[in-house]
Amino acid sequence: MSRDSVNRICAALPGTEHSDPWGGGHDCWKVGGKMFAVTGAVNDSVSVKTDDVETAEMLIEAGVAEPARYLHRSWVALPLDSPEDELRHRIEASYRIIYNNLPKKIQGGIE
């Protein structure tokens, strides 16, 4: 899977916004102003939020993911050459985690 494929998955989710907040070629995806996925400027991975630290540790121990650099321990980095269904699942799960934690007023404004 490529960065373009990750960007297509993210762009298809309701109310998403794309930016490069740190400059240098990052693809940062947000919903309601909160980040749910980011690809780095120099590595071939996408970082996503998991339900909790234990889930992140399980994915890391299973060899599915690595710790996401510079992010909370509940975030993991998945290689872009991971199976497409795994990447899609983890990106969509991250989106749902972030979306579900947004205030109801903001959720209501997302189409």
PDB file of N, CA and C in Angstrom:
ATOM      1  N   MET A   1       0.854  -1.173   0.000  1.00  0.00           N
ATOM      2  CA  MET A   1       0.000   0.000   0.000  1.00  0.00           C
ATOM      3  C   MET A   1       0.896   1.231   0.000  1.00  0.00           C
ATOM      4  N   SER A   2       0.398   2.277  -0.563  1.00  0.00           N
ATOM      5  CA  SER A   2       1.197   3.495  -0.667  1.00  0.00           C
ATOM      6  C   SER A   2       0.625   4.603   0.220  1.00  0.00           C
ATOM      7  N   ARG A   3       1.388   5.669   0.335  1.00  0.00           N
ATOM      8  CA  ARG A   3       0.916   6.855   1.048  1.00  0.00           C
ATOM      9  C   ARG A   3      -0.346   7.405   0.409  1.00  0.00           C
ATOM     10  N   ASP A   4      -0.387   7.370  -0.925  1.00  0.00           N
ATOM     11  CA  ASP A   4      -1.580   7.832  -1.627  1.00  0.00           C
ATOM     12  C   ASP A   4      -2.798   7.008  -1.232  1.00  0.00           C
ATOM     13  N   SER A   5      -2.624   5.711  -1.069  1.00  0.00           N
ATOM     14  CA  SER A   5      -3.738   4.842  -0.658  1.00  0.00           C
ATOM     15  C   SER A   5      -4.200   5.196   0.755  1.00  0.00           C
ATOM     16  N   VAL A   6      -3.253   5.422   1.648  1.00  0.00           N
ATOM     17  CA  VAL A   6      -3.599   5.832   3.011  1.00  0.00           C
ATOM     18  C   VAL A   6      -4.367   7.147   2.964  1.00  0.00           C
ATOM     19  N   ASN A   7      -3.894   8.080   2.158  1.00  0.00           N
ATOM     20  CA  ASN A   7      -4.578   9.377   2.044  1.00  0.00           C
ATOM     21  C   ASN A   7      -5.987   9.218   1.482  1.00  0.00           C
ATOM     22  N   ARG A   8      -6.176   8.312   0.542  1.00  0.00           N
ATOM     23  CA  ARG A   8      -7.531   8.068  -0.002  1.00  0.00           C
ATOM     24  C   ARG A   8      -8.458   7.499   1.069  1.00  0.00           C
ATOM     25  N   ILE A   9      -7.959   6.560   1.874  1.00  0.00           N
ATOM     26  CA  ILE A   9      -8.776   5.984   2.947  1.00  0.00           C
ATOM     27  C   ILE A   9      -9.181   7.088   3.927  1.00  0.00           C
ATOM     28  N   CYS A  10      -8.217   7.897   4.335  1.00  0.00           N
ATOM     29  CA  CYS A  10      -8.490   8.974   5.302  1.00  0.00           C
ATOM     30  C   CYS A  10      -9.449  10.015   4.728  1.00  0.00           C
ATOM     31  N   ALA A  11      -9.230  10.390   3.483  1.00  0.00           N
ATOM     32  CA  ALA A  11     -10.067  11.429   2.856  1.00  0.00           C
ATOM     33  C   ALA A  11     -11.506  10.977   2.701  1.00  0.00           C
ATOM     34  N   ALA A  12     -11.742   9.675   2.609  1.00  0.00           N
ATOM     35  CA  ALA A  12     -13.097   9.152   2.406  1.00  0.00           C
ATOM     36  C   ALA A  12     -13.918   9.150   3.701  1.00  0.00           C
ATOM     37  N   LEU A  13     -13.279   9.330   4.831  1.00  0.00           N
ATOM     38  CA  LEU A  13     -14.003   9.326   6.106  1.00  0.00           C
ATOM     39  C   LEU A  13     -14.681  10.681   6.321  1.00  0.00           C
ATOM     40  N   PRO A  14     -15.859  10.693   6.934  1.00  0.00           N
ATOM     41  CA  PRO A  14     -16.617  11.940   7.085  1.00  0.00           C
ATOM     42  C   PRO A  14     -15.890  13.011   7.902  1.00  0.00           C
ATOM     43  N   GLY A  15     -15.899  14.234   7.383  1.00  0.00           N
ATOM     44  CA  GLY A  15     -15.406  15.387   8.119  1.00  0.00           C
ATOM     45  C   GLY A  15     -13.908  15.459   8.318  1.00  0.00           C
ATOM     46  N   THR A  16     -13.123  14.749   7.506  1.00  0.00           N
ATOM     47  CA  THR A  16     -11.684  14.756   7.711  1.00  0.00           C
ATOM     48  C   THR A  16     -11.028  15.982   7.103  1.00  0.00           C
ATOM     49  N   GLU A  17      -9.898  16.355   7.687  1.00  0.00           N
ATOM     50  CA  GLU A  17      -9.102  17.492   7.230  1.00  0.00           C
ATOM     51  C   GLU A  17      -7.663  17.029   7.088  1.00  0.00           C
ATOM     52  N   HIS A  18      -6.996  17.496   6.048  1.00  0.00           N
ATOM     53  CA  HIS A  18      -5.596  17.153   5.804  1.00  0.00           C
ATOM     54  C   HIS A  18      -4.728  18.376   6.038  1.00  0.00           C
ATOM     55  N   SER A  19      -3.554  18.170   6.640  1.00  0.00           N
ATOM     56  CA  SER A  19      -2.612  19.269   6.819  1.00  0.00           C
ATOM     57  C   SER A  19      -1.195  18.717   6.936  1.00  0.00           C
ATOM     58  N   ASP A  20      -0.235  19.625   6.963  1.00  0.00           N
ATOM     59  CA  ASP A  20       1.167  19.306   7.210  1.00  0.00           C
ATOM     60  C   ASP A  20       1.638  20.269   8.290  1.00  0.00           C
ATOM     61  N   PRO A  21       1.220  20.042   9.551  1.00  0.00           N
ATOM     62  CA  PRO A  21       1.445  21.029  10.606  1.00  0.00           C
ATOM     63  C   PRO A  21       2.902  21.263  10.978  1.00  0.00           C
ATOM     64  N   TRP A  22       3.773  20.315  10.704  1.00  0.00           N
ATOM     65  CA  TRP A  22       5.176  20.460  11.074  1.00  0.00           C
ATOM     66  C   TRP A  22       6.050  20.792   9.868  1.00  0.00           C
ATOM     67  N   GLY A  23       5.437  20.842   8.699  1.00  0.00           N
ATOM     68  CA  GLY A  23       6.197  21.086   7.481  1.00  0.00           C
ATOM     69  C   GLY A  23       7.017  19.868   7.092  1.00  0.00           C
ATOM     70  N   GLY A  24       7.619  19.924   5.946  1.00  0.00           N
ATOM     71  CA  GLY A  24       8.524  18.853   5.558  1.00  0.00           C
ATOM     72  C   GLY A  24       7.891  17.641   4.925  1.00  0.00           C
ATOM     73  N   GLY A  25       6.592  17.662   4.646  1.00  0.00           N
ATOM     74  CA  GLY A  25       5.973  16.561   3.926  1.00  0.00           C
ATOM     75  C   GLY A  25       5.228  15.534   4.748  1.00  0.00           C
ATOM     76  N   HIS A  26       4.737  15.903   5.909  1.00  0.00           N
ATOM     77  CA  HIS A  26       3.886  14.997   6.687  1.00  0.00           C
ATOM     78  C   HIS A  26       2.466  15.021   6.113  1.00  0.00           C
ATOM     79  N   ASP A  27       1.771  13.917   6.203  1.00  0.00           N
ATOM     80  CA  ASP A  27       0.342  13.875   5.898  1.00  0.00           C
ATOM     81  C   ASP A  27      -0.378  13.642   7.218  1.00  0.00           C
ATOM     82  N   CYS A  28      -0.968  14.691   7.756  1.00  0.00           N
ATOM     83  CA  CYS A  28      -1.669  14.630   9.036  1.00  0.00           C
ATOM     84  C   CYS A  28      -3.169  14.700   8.772  1.00  0.00           C
ATOM     85  N   TRP A  29      -3.899  13.727   9.280  1.00  0.00           N
ATOM     86  CA  TRP A  29      -5.347  13.666   9.088  1.00  0.00           C
ATOM     87  C   TRP A  29      -6.053  13.877  10.417  1.00  0.00           C
ATOM     88  N   LYS A  30      -7.040  14.772  10.394  1.00  0.00           N
ATOM     89  CA  LYS A  30      -7.781  15.127  11.607  1.00  0.00           C
ATOM     90  C   LYS A  30      -9.277  15.017  11.368  1.00  0.00           C
ATOM     91  N   VAL A  31      -9.989  14.813  12.463  1.00  0.00           N
ATOM     92  CA  VAL A  31     -11.441  14.935  12.471  1.00  0.00           C
ATOM     93  C   VAL A  31     -11.784  15.788  13.688  1.00  0.00           C
ATOM     94  N   GLY A  32     -12.612  16.813  13.473  1.00  0.00           N
ATOM     95  CA  GLY A  32     -12.960  17.720  14.566  1.00  0.00           C
ATOM     96  C   GLY A  32     -11.746  18.407  15.162  1.00  0.00           C
ATOM     97  N   GLY A  33     -10.699  18.592  14.366  1.00  0.00           N
ATOM     98  CA  GLY A  33      -9.491  19.252  14.835  1.00  0.00           C
ATOM     99  C   GLY A  33      -8.524  18.351  15.583  1.00  0.00           C
ATOM    100  N   LYS A  34      -8.834  17.066  15.700  1.00  0.00           N
ATOM    101  CA  LYS A  34      -7.996  16.114  16.433  1.00  0.00           C
ATOM    102  C   LYS A  34      -7.390  15.098  15.477  1.00  0.00           C
ATOM    103  N   MET A  35      -6.105  14.847  15.617  1.00  0.00           N
ATOM    104  CA  MET A  35      -5.383  13.939  14.730  1.00  0.00           C
ATOM    105  C   MET A  35      -5.793  12.481  14.960  1.00  0.00           C
ATOM    106  N   PHE A  36      -6.014  11.758  13.840  1.00  0.00           N
ATOM    107  CA  PHE A  36      -6.286  10.322  13.941  1.00  0.00           C
ATOM    108  C   PHE A  36      -5.310   9.490  13.114  1.00  0.00           C
ATOM    109  N   ALA A  37      -4.580  10.097  12.196  1.00  0.00           N
ATOM    110  CA  ALA A  37      -3.585   9.373  11.404  1.00  0.00           C
ATOM    111  C   ALA A  37      -2.541  10.349  10.902  1.00  0.00           C
ATOM    112  N   VAL A  38      -1.291   9.874  10.836  1.00  0.00           N
ATOM    113  CA  VAL A  38      -0.210  10.715  10.312  1.00  0.00           C
ATOM    114  C   VAL A  38       0.863   9.838   9.689  1.00  0.00           C
ATOM    115  N   THR A  39       1.311  10.254   8.521  1.00  0.00           N
ATOM    116  CA  THR A  39       2.467   9.617   7.901  1.00  0.00           C
ATOM    117  C   THR A  39       3.626  10.591   8.010  1.00  0.00           C
ATOM    118  N   GLY A  40       4.779  10.049   8.335  1.00  0.00           N
ATOM    119  CA  GLY A  40       5.961  10.875   8.513  1.00  0.00           C
ATOM    120  C   GLY A  40       6.548  11.323   7.187  1.00  0.00           C
ATOM    121  N   ALA A  41       7.456  12.268   7.278  1.00  0.00           N
ATOM    122  CA  ALA A  41       8.079  12.808   6.075  1.00  0.00           C
ATOM    123  C   ALA A  41       9.142  11.875   5.514  1.00  0.00           C
ATOM    124  N   VAL A  42       9.748  11.035   6.354  1.00  0.00           N
ATOM    125  CA  VAL A  42      10.867  10.227   5.883  1.00  0.00           C
ATOM    126  C   VAL A  42      10.686   8.714   6.070  1.00  0.00           C
ATOM    127  N   ASN A  43       9.648   8.292   6.749  1.00  0.00           N
ATOM    128  CA  ASN A  43       9.482   6.844   6.949  1.00  0.00           C
ATOM    129  C   ASN A  43       8.253   6.335   6.205  1.00  0.00           C
ATOM    130  N   ASP A  44       8.223   5.049   5.981  1.00  0.00           N
ATOM    131  CA  ASP A  44       7.122   4.427   5.249  1.00  0.00           C
ATOM    132  C   ASP A  44       6.155   3.757   6.210  1.00  0.00           C
ATOM    133  N   SER A  45       5.501   4.583   7.028  1.00  0.00           N
ATOM    134  CA  SER A  45       4.522   4.056   7.976  1.00  0.00           C
ATOM    135  C   SER A  45       3.431   5.087   8.201  1.00  0.00           C
ATOM    136  N   VAL A  46       2.335   4.606   8.768  1.00  0.00           N
ATOM    137  CA  VAL A  46       1.249   5.493   9.174  1.00  0.00           C
ATOM    138  C   VAL A  46       1.014   5.255  10.662  1.00  0.00           C
ATOM    139  N   SER A  47       0.955   6.329  11.431  1.00  0.00           N
ATOM    140  CA  SER A  47       0.711   6.232  12.865  1.00  0.00           C
ATOM    141  C   SER A  47      -0.766   6.451  13.132  1.00  0.00           C
ATOM    142  N   VAL A  48      -1.305   5.588  13.995  1.00  0.00           N
ATOM    143  CA  VAL A  48      -2.730   5.636  14.332  1.00  0.00           C
ATOM    144  C   VAL A  48      -2.906   5.420  15.829  1.00  0.00           C
ATOM    145  N   LYS A  49      -4.025   5.884  16.343  1.00  0.00           N
ATOM    146  CA  LYS A  49      -4.371   5.710  17.751  1.00  0.00           C
ATOM    147  C   LYS A  49      -5.045   4.365  17.941  1.00  0.00           C
ATOM    148  N   THR A  50      -4.735   3.711  19.054  1.00  0.00           N
ATOM    149  CA  THR A  50      -5.428   2.474  19.430  1.00  0.00           C
ATOM    150  C   THR A  50      -6.318   2.763  20.631  1.00  0.00           C
ATOM    151  N   ASP A  51      -7.122   1.780  21.013  1.00  0.00           N
ATOM    152  CA  ASP A  51      -8.032   1.955  22.147  1.00  0.00           C
ATOM    153  C   ASP A  51      -7.310   2.298  23.442  1.00  0.00           C
ATOM    154  N   ASP A  52      -6.130   1.699  23.634  1.00  0.00           N
ATOM    155  CA  ASP A  52      -5.409   1.895  24.883  1.00  0.00           C
ATOM    156  C   ASP A  52      -3.968   1.413  24.728  1.00  0.00           C
ATOM    157  N   VAL A  53      -3.182   1.637  25.756  1.00  0.00           N
ATOM    158  CA  VAL A  53      -1.774   1.255  25.734  1.00  0.00           C
ATOM    159  C   VAL A  53      -1.628  -0.260  25.575  1.00  0.00           C
ATOM    160  N   GLU A  54      -2.518  -1.013  26.202  1.00  0.00           N
ATOM    161  CA  GLU A  54      -2.431  -2.477  26.122  1.00  0.00           C
ATOM    162  C   GLU A  54      -2.621  -2.972  24.687  1.00  0.00           C
ATOM    163  N   THR A  55      -3.547  -2.374  23.959  1.00  0.00           N
ATOM    164  CA  THR A  55      -3.754  -2.751  22.557  1.00  0.00           C
ATOM    165  C   THR A  55      -2.522  -2.409  21.737  1.00  0.00           C
ATOM    166  N   ALA A  56      -1.965  -1.241  21.969  1.00  0.00           N
ATOM    167  CA  ALA A  56      -0.751  -0.840  21.258  1.00  0.00           C
ATOM    168  C   ALA A  56       0.374  -1.827  21.551  1.00  0.00           C
ATOM    169  N   GLU A  57       0.560  -2.182  22.813  1.00  0.00           N
ATOM    170  CA  GLU A  57       1.614  -3.129  23.184  1.00  0.00           C
ATOM    171  C   GLU A  57       1.393  -4.488  22.531  1.00  0.00           C
ATOM    172  N   MET A  58       0.142  -4.935  22.457  1.00  0.00           N
ATOM    173  CA  MET A  58      -0.164  -6.218  21.831  1.00  0.00           C
ATOM    174  C   MET A  58       0.205  -6.189  20.342  1.00  0.00           C
ATOM    175  N   LEU A  59      -0.126  -5.103  19.653  1.00  0.00           N
ATOM    176  CA  LEU A  59       0.203  -4.985  18.229  1.00  0.00           C
ATOM    177  C   LEU A  59       1.718  -4.933  18.017  1.00  0.00           C
ATOM    178  N   ILE A  60       2.414  -4.279  18.923  1.00  0.00           N
ATOM    179  CA  ILE A  60       3.875  -4.192  18.832  1.00  0.00           C
ATOM    180  C   ILE A  60       4.496  -5.568  19.094  1.00  0.00           C
ATOM    181  N   GLU A  61       4.042  -6.244  20.143  1.00  0.00           N
ATOM    182  CA  GLU A  61       4.566  -7.575  20.477  1.00  0.00           C
ATOM    183  C   GLU A  61       4.279  -8.590  19.380  1.00  0.00           C
ATOM    184  N   ALA A  62       3.138  -8.442  18.691  1.00  0.00           N
ATOM    185  CA  ALA A  62       2.769  -9.361  17.609  1.00  0.00           C
ATOM    186  C   ALA A  62       3.537  -9.069  16.319  1.00  0.00           C
ATOM    187  N   GLY A  63       4.283  -7.970  16.301  1.00  0.00           N
ATOM    188  CA  GLY A  63       5.052  -7.616  15.122  1.00  0.00           C
ATOM    189  C   GLY A  63       4.244  -6.923  14.041  1.00  0.00           C
ATOM    190  N   VAL A  64       3.028  -6.521  14.367  1.00  0.00           N
ATOM    191  CA  VAL A  64       2.154  -5.828  13.412  1.00  0.00           C
ATOM    192  C   VAL A  64       2.529  -4.356  13.306  1.00  0.00           C
ATOM    193  N   ALA A  65       3.013  -3.794  14.407  1.00  0.00           N
ATOM    194  CA  ALA A  65       3.291  -2.358  14.466  1.00  0.00           C
ATOM    195  C   ALA A  65       4.547  -2.097  15.288  1.00  0.00           C
ATOM    196  N   GLU A  66       4.962  -0.844  15.258  1.00  0.00           N
ATOM    197  CA  GLU A  66       6.072  -0.361  16.078  1.00  0.00           C
ATOM    198  C   GLU A  66       5.547   0.790  16.932  1.00  0.00           C
ATOM    199  N   PRO A  67       6.269   1.147  17.986  1.00  0.00           N
ATOM    200  CA  PRO A  67       5.853   2.342  18.727  1.00  0.00           C
ATOM    201  C   PRO A  67       5.879   3.561  17.802  1.00  0.00           C
ATOM    202  N   ALA A  68       4.905   4.416  17.916  1.00  0.00           N
ATOM    203  CA  ALA A  68       4.848   5.640  17.108  1.00  0.00           C
ATOM    204  C   ALA A  68       5.740   6.683  17.777  1.00  0.00           C
ATOM    205  N   ARG A  69       6.742   7.127  17.059  1.00  0.00           N
ATOM    206  CA  ARG A  69       7.679   8.102  17.617  1.00  0.00           C
ATOM    207  C   ARG A  69       6.978   9.419  17.909  1.00  0.00           C
ATOM    208  N   TYR A  70       7.313  10.004  19.041  1.00  0.00           N
ATOM    209  CA  TYR A  70       6.851  11.331  19.458  1.00  0.00           C
ATOM    210  C   TYR A  70       5.375  11.380  19.846  1.00  0.00           C
ATOM    211  N   LEU A  71       4.687  10.259  19.852  1.00  0.00           N
ATOM    212  CA  LEU A  71       3.266  10.236  20.203  1.00  0.00           C
ATOM    213  C   LEU A  71       3.057   9.399  21.464  1.00  0.00           C
ATOM    214  N   HIS A  72       1.885   9.527  22.054  1.00  0.00           N
ATOM    215  CA  HIS A  72       1.529   8.777  23.260  1.00  0.00           C
ATOM    216  C   HIS A  72       1.675   7.279  23.024  1.00  0.00           C
ATOM    217  N   ARG A  73       1.860   6.543  24.070  1.00  0.00           N
ATOM    218  CA  ARG A  73       2.051   5.083  23.976  1.00  0.00           C
ATOM    219  C   ARG A  73       0.844   4.337  23.420  1.00  0.00           C
ATOM    220  N   SER A  74      -0.312   4.976  23.340  1.00  0.00           N
ATOM    221  CA  SER A  74      -1.486   4.326  22.755  1.00  0.00           C
ATOM    222  C   SER A  74      -1.501   4.449  21.230  1.00  0.00           C
ATOM    223  N   TRP A  75      -0.487   5.092  20.663  1.00  0.00           N
ATOM    224  CA  TRP A  75      -0.343   5.221  19.213  1.00  0.00           C
ATOM    225  C   TRP A  75       0.679   4.212  18.721  1.00  0.00           C
ATOM    226  N   VAL A  76       0.448   3.670  17.522  1.00  0.00           N
ATOM    227  CA  VAL A  76       1.387   2.743  16.891  1.00  0.00           C
ATOM    228  C   VAL A  76       1.657   3.187  15.459  1.00  0.00           C
ATOM    229  N   ALA A  77       2.782   2.747  14.932  1.00  0.00           N
ATOM    230  CA  ALA A  77       3.139   3.012  13.537  1.00  0.00           C
ATOM    231  C   ALA A  77       3.067   1.695  12.774  1.00  0.00           C
ATOM    232  N   LEU A  78       2.234   1.673  11.744  1.00  0.00           N
ATOM    233  CA  LEU A  78       2.083   0.492  10.894  1.00  0.00           C
ATOM    234  C   LEU A  78       2.853   0.704   9.597  1.00  0.00           C
ATOM    235  N   PRO A  79       3.676  -0.256   9.196  1.00  0.00           N
ATOM    236  CA  PRO A  79       4.378  -0.123   7.921  1.00  0.00           C
ATOM    237  C   PRO A  79       3.391  -0.023   6.764  1.00  0.00           C
ATOM    238  N   LEU A  80       3.729   0.802   5.777  1.00  0.00           N
ATOM    239  CA  LEU A  80       2.834   0.956   4.625  1.00  0.00           C
ATOM    240  C   LEU A  80       2.731  -0.318   3.797  1.00  0.00           C
ATOM    241  N   ASP A  81       3.683  -1.247   3.968  1.00  0.00           N
ATOM    242  CA  ASP A  81       3.577  -2.505   3.230  1.00  0.00           C
ATOM    243  C   ASP A  81       2.770  -3.563   3.990  1.00  0.00           C
ATOM    244  N   SER A  82       2.075  -3.142   5.056  1.00  0.00           N
ATOM    245  CA  SER A  82       1.146  -4.035   5.764  1.00  0.00           C
ATOM    246  C   SER A  82      -0.016  -4.366   4.841  1.00  0.00           C
ATOM    247  N   PRO A  83      -0.716  -5.472   5.105  1.00  0.00           N
ATOM    248  CA  PRO A  83      -1.893  -5.784   4.284  1.00  0.00           C
ATOM    249  C   PRO A  83      -2.893  -4.622   4.296  1.00  0.00           C
ATOM    250  N   GLU A  84      -3.481  -4.360   3.133  1.00  0.00           N
ATOM    251  CA  GLU A  84      -4.396  -3.224   3.004  1.00  0.00           C
ATOM    252  C   GLU A  84      -5.562  -3.311   3.977  1.00  0.00           C
ATOM    253  N   ASP A  85      -6.110  -4.514   4.186  1.00  0.00           N
ATOM    254  CA  ASP A  85      -7.251  -4.635   5.097  1.00  0.00           C
ATOM    255  C   ASP A  85      -6.850  -4.292   6.534  1.00  0.00           C
ATOM    256  N   GLU A  86      -5.629  -4.620   6.935  1.00  0.00           N
ATOM    257  CA  GLU A  86      -5.155  -4.272   8.281  1.00  0.00           C
ATOM    258  C   GLU A  86      -4.995  -2.765   8.414  1.00  0.00           C
ATOM    259  N   LEU A  87      -4.380  -2.118   7.428  1.00  0.00           N
ATOM    260  CA  LEU A  87      -4.222  -0.666   7.464  1.00  0.00           C
ATOM    261  C   LEU A  87      -5.571   0.035   7.488  1.00  0.00           C
ATOM    262  N   ARG A  88      -6.467  -0.389   6.621  1.00  0.00           N
ATOM    263  CA  ARG A  88      -7.801   0.221   6.580  1.00  0.00           C
ATOM    264  C   ARG A  88      -8.501   0.074   7.934  1.00  0.00           C
ATOM    265  N   HIS A  89      -8.439  -1.130   8.492  1.00  0.00           N
ATOM    266  CA  HIS A  89      -9.087  -1.389   9.787  1.00  0.00           C
ATOM    267  C   HIS A  89      -8.510  -0.476  10.872  1.00  0.00           C
ATOM    268  N   ARG A  90      -7.187  -0.373  10.940  1.00  0.00           N
ATOM    269  CA  ARG A  90      -6.550   0.433  11.991  1.00  0.00           C
ATOM    270  C   ARG A  90      -6.793   1.933  11.791  1.00  0.00           C
ATOM    271  N   ILE A  91      -6.800   2.389  10.559  1.00  0.00           N
ATOM    272  CA  ILE A  91      -7.088   3.807  10.284  1.00  0.00           C
ATOM    273  C   ILE A  91      -8.531   4.124  10.669  1.00  0.00           C
ATOM    274  N   GLU A  92      -9.470   3.270  10.254  1.00  0.00           N
ATOM    275  CA  GLU A  92     -10.883   3.512  10.574  1.00  0.00           C
ATOM    276  C   GLU A  92     -11.138   3.399  12.070  1.00  0.00           C
ATOM    277  N   ALA A  93     -10.459   2.484  12.751  1.00  0.00           N
ATOM    278  CA  ALA A  93     -10.617   2.356  14.207  1.00  0.00           C
ATOM    279  C   ALA A  93     -10.086   3.610  14.905  1.00  0.00           C
ATOM    280  N   SER A  94      -8.944   4.117  14.451  1.00  0.00           N
ATOM    281  CA  SER A  94      -8.380   5.333  15.021  1.00  0.00           C
ATOM    282  C   SER A  94      -9.343   6.503  14.832  1.00  0.00           C
ATOM    283  N   TYR A  95      -9.891   6.608  13.637  1.00  0.00           N
ATOM    284  CA  TYR A  95     -10.875   7.659  13.347  1.00  0.00           C
ATOM    285  C   TYR A  95     -12.044   7.576  14.333  1.00  0.00           C
ATOM    286  N   ARG A  96     -12.597   6.364  14.517  1.00  0.00           N
ATOM    287  CA  ARG A  96     -13.747   6.186  15.425  1.00  0.00           C
ATOM    288  C   ARG A  96     -13.393   6.559  16.864  1.00  0.00           C
ATOM    289  N   ILE A  97     -12.194   6.179  17.313  1.00  0.00           N
ATOM    290  CA  ILE A  97     -11.768   6.513  18.676  1.00  0.00           C
ATOM    291  C   ILE A  97     -11.758   8.028  18.862  1.00  0.00           C
ATOM    292  N   ILE A  98     -11.147   8.727  17.926  1.00  0.00           N
ATOM    293  CA  ILE A  98     -11.067  10.191  18.020  1.00  0.00           C
ATOM    294  C   ILE A  98     -12.452  10.817  17.889  1.00  0.00           C
ATOM    295  N   TYR A  99     -13.222  10.384  16.886  1.00  0.00           N
ATOM    296  CA  TYR A  99     -14.564  10.925  16.661  1.00  0.00           C
ATOM    297  C   TYR A  99     -15.442  10.736  17.903  1.00  0.00           C
ATOM    298  N   ASN A 100     -15.425   9.545  18.484  1.00  0.00           N
ATOM    299  CA  ASN A 100     -16.282   9.243  19.630  1.00  0.00           C
ATOM    300  C   ASN A 100     -15.918  10.043  20.868  1.00  0.00           C
ATOM    301  N   ASN A 101     -14.705  10.572  20.932  1.00  0.00           N
ATOM    302  CA  ASN A 101     -14.281  11.382  22.069  1.00  0.00           C
ATOM    303  C   ASN A 101     -14.469  12.886  21.838  1.00  0.00           C
ATOM    304  N   LEU A 102     -14.976  13.240  20.669  1.00  0.00           N
ATOM    305  CA  LEU A 102     -15.271  14.650  20.404  1.00  0.00           C
ATOM    306  C   LEU A 102     -16.549  15.057  21.133  1.00  0.00           C
ATOM    307  N   PRO A 103     -16.672  16.321  21.502  1.00  0.00           N
ATOM    308  CA  PRO A 103     -17.930  16.792  22.088  1.00  0.00           C
ATOM    309  C   PRO A 103     -19.096  16.550  21.111  1.00  0.00           C
ATOM    310  N   LYS A 104     -20.248  16.253  21.639  1.00  0.00           N
ATOM    311  CA  LYS A 104     -21.428  15.958  20.812  1.00  0.00           C
ATOM    312  C   LYS A 104     -21.732  17.098  19.836  1.00  0.00           C
ATOM    313  N   LYS A 105     -21.512  18.325  20.257  1.00  0.00           N
ATOM    314  CA  LYS A 105     -21.772  19.472  19.387  1.00  0.00           C
ATOM    315  C   LYS A 105     -20.887  19.409  18.130  1.00  0.00           C
ATOM    316  N   ILE A 106     -19.633  19.044  18.305  1.00  0.00           N
ATOM    317  CA  ILE A 106     -18.735  18.924  17.163  1.00  0.00           C
ATOM    318  C   ILE A 106     -19.108  17.700  16.321  1.00  0.00           C
ATOM    319  N   GLN A 107     -19.424  16.597  16.959  1.00  0.00           N
ATOM    320  CA  GLN A 107     -19.854  15.394  16.228  1.00  0.00           C
ATOM    321  C   GLN A 107     -21.040  15.708  15.340  1.00  0.00           C
ATOM    322  N   GLY A 108     -21.975  16.483  15.860  1.00  0.00           N
ATOM    323  CA  GLY A 108     -23.190  16.818  15.115  1.00  0.00           C
ATOM    324  C   GLY A 108     -22.926  17.641  13.868  1.00  0.00           C
ATOM    325  N   GLY A 109     -21.804  18.341  13.832  1.00  0.00           N
ATOM    326  CA  GLY A 109     -21.468  19.172  12.686  1.00  0.00           C
ATOM    327  C   GLY A 109     -20.644  18.459  11.633  1.00  0.00           C
ATOM    328  N   ILE A 110     -20.322  17.190  11.867  1.00  0.00           N
ATOM    329  CA  ILE A 110     -19.504  16.425  10.920  1.00  0.00           C
ATOM    330  C   ILE A 110     -20.408  15.640   9.992  1.00  0.00           C
ATOM    331  N   GLU A 111     -20.164  15.823   8.717  1.00  0.00           N
ATOM    332  CA  GLU A 111     -20.983  15.119   7.722  1.00  0.00           C
ATOM    333  C   GLU A 111     -20.198  14.045   7.037  1.00  0.00           C
TER     334      GLU A 111
END
